[in-house]
N, C-alpha and C. Protein backbone atom coordinates (compact mmCIF):
# COMPACT_ATOMS: atom_id res chain seq x y z
N MET A 1 0.80 -1.16 0.00
CA MET A 1 0.00 0.00 0.00
C MET A 1 0.87 1.25 0.00
N GLY A 2 1.56 1.54 1.04
CA GLY A 2 2.39 2.73 1.08
C GLY A 2 3.84 2.38 1.26
N SER A 3 4.64 3.33 1.00
CA SER A 3 6.06 3.08 1.17
C SER A 3 6.47 3.41 2.60
N SER A 4 7.58 2.88 3.02
CA SER A 4 8.05 3.10 4.38
C SER A 4 8.96 4.34 4.46
N ARG A 5 8.90 5.15 3.48
CA ARG A 5 9.73 6.34 3.44
C ARG A 5 9.20 7.39 4.42
N ASP A 6 10.14 8.09 5.13
CA ASP A 6 9.76 9.13 6.08
C ASP A 6 9.56 10.43 5.33
N LEU A 7 8.36 10.98 5.41
CA LEU A 7 8.06 12.22 4.69
C LEU A 7 8.73 13.44 5.34
N ASN A 8 9.06 13.35 6.63
CA ASN A 8 9.72 14.47 7.32
C ASN A 8 11.12 14.72 6.76
N SER A 9 11.75 13.69 6.22
CA SER A 9 13.09 13.89 5.67
C SER A 9 13.06 14.75 4.41
N LEU A 10 11.90 14.93 3.84
CA LEU A 10 11.77 15.76 2.65
C LEU A 10 11.47 17.23 3.00
N LYS A 11 11.14 17.52 4.26
CA LYS A 11 10.80 18.88 4.67
C LYS A 11 12.07 19.70 4.91
N SER A 12 12.00 20.99 4.61
CA SER A 12 13.18 21.85 4.75
C SER A 12 13.52 22.14 6.22
N TRP A 13 12.58 22.01 7.11
CA TRP A 13 12.80 22.32 8.52
C TRP A 13 13.29 21.13 9.32
N ASN A 14 13.47 19.97 8.72
CA ASN A 14 13.85 18.75 9.42
C ASN A 14 15.27 18.90 10.00
N PRO A 15 15.45 18.72 11.32
CA PRO A 15 16.77 18.88 11.93
C PRO A 15 17.75 17.77 11.57
N LYS A 16 17.28 16.68 10.99
CA LYS A 16 18.18 15.57 10.64
C LYS A 16 18.86 15.79 9.29
N LEU A 17 18.44 16.78 8.53
CA LEU A 17 19.06 17.04 7.24
C LEU A 17 20.47 17.59 7.44
N SER A 18 21.40 17.17 6.61
CA SER A 18 22.79 17.61 6.74
C SER A 18 22.92 19.12 6.49
N LYS A 19 22.07 19.66 5.63
CA LYS A 19 22.09 21.10 5.35
C LYS A 19 21.72 21.89 6.62
N ASN A 20 20.69 21.42 7.34
CA ASN A 20 20.27 22.09 8.57
C ASN A 20 21.31 21.91 9.68
N LYS A 21 21.92 20.74 9.75
CA LYS A 21 22.97 20.50 10.75
C LYS A 21 24.15 21.44 10.51
N ALA A 22 24.51 21.64 9.26
CA ALA A 22 25.65 22.51 8.93
C ALA A 22 25.34 23.96 9.29
N SER A 23 24.11 24.41 9.02
CA SER A 23 23.77 25.81 9.34
C SER A 23 23.74 26.03 10.86
N VAL A 24 23.25 25.03 11.61
CA VAL A 24 23.23 25.14 13.07
C VAL A 24 24.66 25.17 13.61
N LYS A 25 25.52 24.30 13.06
CA LYS A 25 26.91 24.27 13.50
C LYS A 25 27.61 25.60 13.20
N GLN A 26 27.32 26.18 12.05
CA GLN A 26 27.92 27.46 11.68
C GLN A 26 27.46 28.57 12.63
N LEU A 27 26.18 28.61 12.97
CA LEU A 27 25.66 29.62 13.89
C LEU A 27 26.27 29.46 15.29
N GLU A 28 26.41 28.22 15.75
CA GLU A 28 27.02 27.98 17.05
C GLU A 28 28.48 28.45 17.06
N GLN A 29 29.20 28.20 15.97
CA GLN A 29 30.59 28.64 15.88
C GLN A 29 30.68 30.17 15.88
N GLN A 30 29.75 30.84 15.22
CA GLN A 30 29.73 32.30 15.23
C GLN A 30 29.49 32.84 16.63
N LEU A 31 28.59 32.18 17.39
CA LEU A 31 28.33 32.60 18.77
C LEU A 31 29.57 32.42 19.65
N ILE A 32 30.26 31.30 19.47
CA ILE A 32 31.47 31.05 20.25
C ILE A 32 32.54 32.09 19.93
N ASP A 33 32.70 32.39 18.63
CA ASP A 33 33.68 33.41 18.23
C ASP A 33 33.32 34.78 18.80
N ARG A 34 32.04 35.11 18.80
CA ARG A 34 31.58 36.40 19.33
C ARG A 34 31.86 36.49 20.84
N GLU A 35 31.62 35.40 21.57
CA GLU A 35 31.89 35.39 23.01
C GLU A 35 33.38 35.57 23.29
N LYS A 36 34.23 34.91 22.50
CA LYS A 36 35.68 35.07 22.67
C LYS A 36 36.10 36.51 22.40
N GLN A 37 35.51 37.10 21.37
CA GLN A 37 35.83 38.48 21.02
C GLN A 37 35.41 39.43 22.16
N LEU A 38 34.24 39.20 22.74
CA LEU A 38 33.77 40.04 23.84
C LEU A 38 34.66 39.88 25.08
N GLU A 39 35.13 38.66 25.35
CA GLU A 39 36.03 38.44 26.48
C GLU A 39 37.35 39.17 26.28
N LYS A 40 37.90 39.10 25.06
CA LYS A 40 39.15 39.81 24.77
C LYS A 40 38.96 41.32 24.93
N GLU A 41 37.83 41.82 24.46
CA GLU A 41 37.55 43.26 24.57
C GLU A 41 37.42 43.67 26.04
N ALA A 42 36.77 42.84 26.84
CA ALA A 42 36.61 43.14 28.27
C ALA A 42 37.97 43.15 28.97
N LYS A 43 38.84 42.19 28.64
CA LYS A 43 40.17 42.15 29.24
C LYS A 43 40.99 43.37 28.83
N ARG A 44 40.88 43.76 27.55
CA ARG A 44 41.62 44.92 27.06
C ARG A 44 41.16 46.19 27.78
N ARG A 45 39.84 46.34 27.96
CA ARG A 45 39.31 47.51 28.67
C ARG A 45 39.78 47.53 30.12
N GLU A 46 39.80 46.36 30.75
CA GLU A 46 40.23 46.28 32.14
C GLU A 46 41.70 46.70 32.27
N VAL A 47 42.53 46.23 31.34
CA VAL A 47 43.95 46.60 31.36
C VAL A 47 44.11 48.10 31.14
N GLU A 48 43.34 48.66 30.21
CA GLU A 48 43.41 50.10 29.96
C GLU A 48 42.97 50.90 31.17
N ASP A 49 41.91 50.44 31.84
CA ASP A 49 41.43 51.13 33.04
C ASP A 49 42.48 51.11 34.14
N LEU A 50 43.11 49.95 34.34
CA LEU A 50 44.14 49.85 35.37
C LEU A 50 45.34 50.72 35.02
N ALA A 51 45.70 50.76 33.75
CA ALA A 51 46.84 51.58 33.33
C ALA A 51 46.52 53.06 33.52
N SER A 52 45.29 53.45 33.21
CA SER A 52 44.92 54.86 33.37
C SER A 52 44.86 55.24 34.84
N LEU A 53 44.46 54.31 35.70
CA LEU A 53 44.44 54.60 37.14
C LEU A 53 45.85 54.83 37.66
N LYS A 54 46.79 54.03 37.20
CA LYS A 54 48.17 54.18 37.67
C LYS A 54 48.75 55.52 37.24
N THR A 55 48.46 55.95 36.04
CA THR A 55 49.03 57.22 35.57
C THR A 55 48.28 58.41 36.15
N ASP A 56 46.98 58.27 36.39
CA ASP A 56 46.20 59.39 36.90
C ASP A 56 46.48 59.67 38.37
N THR A 57 46.90 58.68 39.13
CA THR A 57 47.07 58.89 40.56
C THR A 57 48.24 59.81 40.88
N LEU A 58 49.29 59.78 40.08
CA LEU A 58 50.46 60.60 40.38
C LEU A 58 50.64 61.77 39.42
N SER A 59 49.77 61.89 38.45
CA SER A 59 49.96 62.94 37.46
C SER A 59 49.84 64.33 38.06
N TRP A 60 49.07 64.48 39.12
CA TRP A 60 48.90 65.80 39.73
C TRP A 60 50.22 66.31 40.31
N MET A 61 51.12 65.40 40.71
CA MET A 61 52.39 65.84 41.28
C MET A 61 53.29 66.46 40.22
N TYR A 62 53.17 65.99 39.01
CA TYR A 62 54.07 66.44 37.96
C TYR A 62 53.49 67.58 37.13
N ASP A 63 52.23 67.92 37.35
CA ASP A 63 51.64 69.04 36.63
C ASP A 63 52.22 70.35 37.16
N THR A 64 52.36 71.31 36.27
CA THR A 64 52.84 72.62 36.70
C THR A 64 51.71 73.35 37.40
N PRO A 65 52.01 74.07 38.46
CA PRO A 65 50.94 74.76 39.18
C PRO A 65 50.39 75.91 38.35
N LYS A 66 49.13 76.17 38.54
CA LYS A 66 48.50 77.28 37.83
C LYS A 66 48.91 78.57 38.52
N GLN A 67 49.38 79.52 37.74
CA GLN A 67 49.80 80.79 38.32
C GLN A 67 48.64 81.77 38.25
N GLU A 68 48.38 82.39 39.39
CA GLU A 68 47.31 83.36 39.46
C GLU A 68 47.85 84.71 38.98
N PRO A 69 47.00 85.53 38.39
CA PRO A 69 47.48 86.84 37.95
C PRO A 69 47.90 87.68 39.16
N GLN A 70 48.96 88.43 38.98
CA GLN A 70 49.48 89.23 40.09
C GLN A 70 48.60 90.45 40.30
N LYS A 71 48.32 90.72 41.57
CA LYS A 71 47.52 91.88 41.91
C LYS A 71 48.45 93.09 42.06
N PRO A 72 48.00 94.26 41.67
CA PRO A 72 48.85 95.44 41.83
C PRO A 72 49.00 95.75 43.32
N LYS A 73 50.20 96.17 43.69
CA LYS A 73 50.47 96.48 45.09
C LYS A 73 49.80 97.80 45.46
N GLN A 74 49.34 97.86 46.69
CA GLN A 74 48.69 99.07 47.17
C GLN A 74 49.77 100.06 47.59
N THR A 75 49.76 101.24 47.00
CA THR A 75 50.81 102.22 47.27
C THR A 75 50.45 103.17 48.39
N THR A 76 49.16 103.38 48.62
CA THR A 76 48.76 104.30 49.68
C THR A 76 48.42 103.52 50.94
N LYS A 77 48.69 104.12 52.07
CA LYS A 77 48.38 103.48 53.34
C LYS A 77 46.95 103.81 53.72
N PRO A 78 46.25 102.89 54.35
CA PRO A 78 44.89 103.21 54.77
C PRO A 78 44.92 104.23 55.90
N SER A 79 43.94 105.09 55.90
CA SER A 79 43.91 106.13 56.93
C SER A 79 43.48 105.52 58.26
N THR A 80 44.02 106.04 59.33
CA THR A 80 43.71 105.52 60.66
C THR A 80 42.45 106.15 61.22
N ASP A 81 41.90 107.16 60.57
CA ASP A 81 40.70 107.82 61.06
C ASP A 81 39.48 106.90 60.97
N LYS A 82 39.43 106.07 59.97
CA LYS A 82 38.26 105.23 59.75
C LYS A 82 38.30 103.94 60.56
N VAL A 83 39.44 103.64 61.15
CA VAL A 83 39.57 102.40 61.90
C VAL A 83 38.94 102.59 63.27
N LYS A 84 38.04 101.70 63.62
CA LYS A 84 37.38 101.78 64.93
C LYS A 84 38.20 101.00 65.94
N LYS A 85 38.33 101.57 67.10
CA LYS A 85 39.03 100.88 68.17
C LYS A 85 38.01 100.08 68.97
N PRO A 86 38.35 98.88 69.33
CA PRO A 86 37.40 98.09 70.11
C PRO A 86 37.28 98.65 71.53
N THR A 87 36.08 98.62 72.03
CA THR A 87 35.86 99.09 73.40
C THR A 87 36.27 97.99 74.36
N GLN A 88 36.94 98.38 75.40
CA GLN A 88 37.40 97.39 76.36
C GLN A 88 36.32 97.17 77.41
N THR A 89 36.04 95.93 77.67
CA THR A 89 35.08 95.59 78.70
C THR A 89 35.81 94.82 79.78
N THR A 90 35.37 94.99 80.99
CA THR A 90 36.03 94.32 82.10
C THR A 90 35.65 92.86 82.16
N LYS A 91 34.45 92.57 81.75
CA LYS A 91 33.98 91.20 81.82
C LYS A 91 33.77 90.68 80.39
N THR A 92 34.39 89.55 80.07
CA THR A 92 34.21 88.98 78.74
C THR A 92 33.10 87.96 78.79
N LYS A 93 32.29 87.97 77.77
CA LYS A 93 31.20 87.00 77.70
C LYS A 93 31.70 85.74 77.01
N ARG A 94 31.21 84.64 77.48
CA ARG A 94 31.50 83.38 76.80
C ARG A 94 30.56 83.24 75.62
N LYS A 95 31.07 82.61 74.60
CA LYS A 95 30.24 82.41 73.43
C LYS A 95 29.15 81.37 73.69
N PHE A 96 29.49 80.36 74.48
CA PHE A 96 28.55 79.28 74.74
C PHE A 96 28.39 79.10 76.24
N ASP A 97 27.18 78.84 76.65
CA ASP A 97 26.90 78.59 78.06
C ASP A 97 26.63 77.11 78.23
N TYR A 98 27.57 76.43 78.87
CA TYR A 98 27.46 74.98 79.04
C TYR A 98 26.85 74.61 80.38
N SER A 99 26.40 75.56 81.15
CA SER A 99 25.89 75.25 82.48
C SER A 99 24.61 74.42 82.41
N LYS A 100 23.84 74.54 81.34
CA LYS A 100 22.62 73.75 81.22
C LYS A 100 22.93 72.28 80.96
N ASP A 101 24.04 72.02 80.29
CA ASP A 101 24.40 70.65 79.96
C ASP A 101 25.16 69.95 81.08
N ASP A 102 25.68 70.71 82.03
CA ASP A 102 26.50 70.14 83.09
C ASP A 102 25.61 69.54 84.17
N PRO A 103 25.71 68.24 84.44
CA PRO A 103 24.86 67.63 85.47
C PRO A 103 25.25 68.07 86.88
N MET A 104 26.49 68.51 87.09
CA MET A 104 26.93 68.93 88.41
C MET A 104 26.52 70.37 88.72
N ALA A 105 26.06 71.11 87.70
CA ALA A 105 25.67 72.51 87.91
C ALA A 105 24.47 72.60 88.83
N LYS A 106 23.59 71.62 88.84
CA LYS A 106 22.41 71.64 89.71
C LYS A 106 22.82 71.49 91.17
N LEU A 107 23.88 70.73 91.42
CA LEU A 107 24.32 70.50 92.79
C LEU A 107 25.09 71.69 93.35
N LYS A 108 25.72 72.48 92.52
CA LYS A 108 26.52 73.62 92.96
C LYS A 108 25.66 74.76 93.47
N ARG A 109 24.45 74.89 93.03
CA ARG A 109 23.59 76.01 93.41
C ARG A 109 22.99 75.83 94.73
């Protein structure tokens, strides 16, 4: 009645065909090559980063300092009439009062 031939072997999508096996093998090889290329690129970048870190850490010592523009010297003396003399007080005030924070201050009173 019918032949024992497999009809799937005639289909283009059949994975057992040598043509399909070759294309799959070629794609896998391309992926492997791409992964190797990415690994080499990552190693190269890492080496460049480490090299740039080594040179950047000490480069500031060897740079020439930036020179600021020179200001003209003041030829006239400031007048003493405008200078206010501080008033002398007998009692100096403290800037901060720590008596509130002192636990022994309550016992002294």
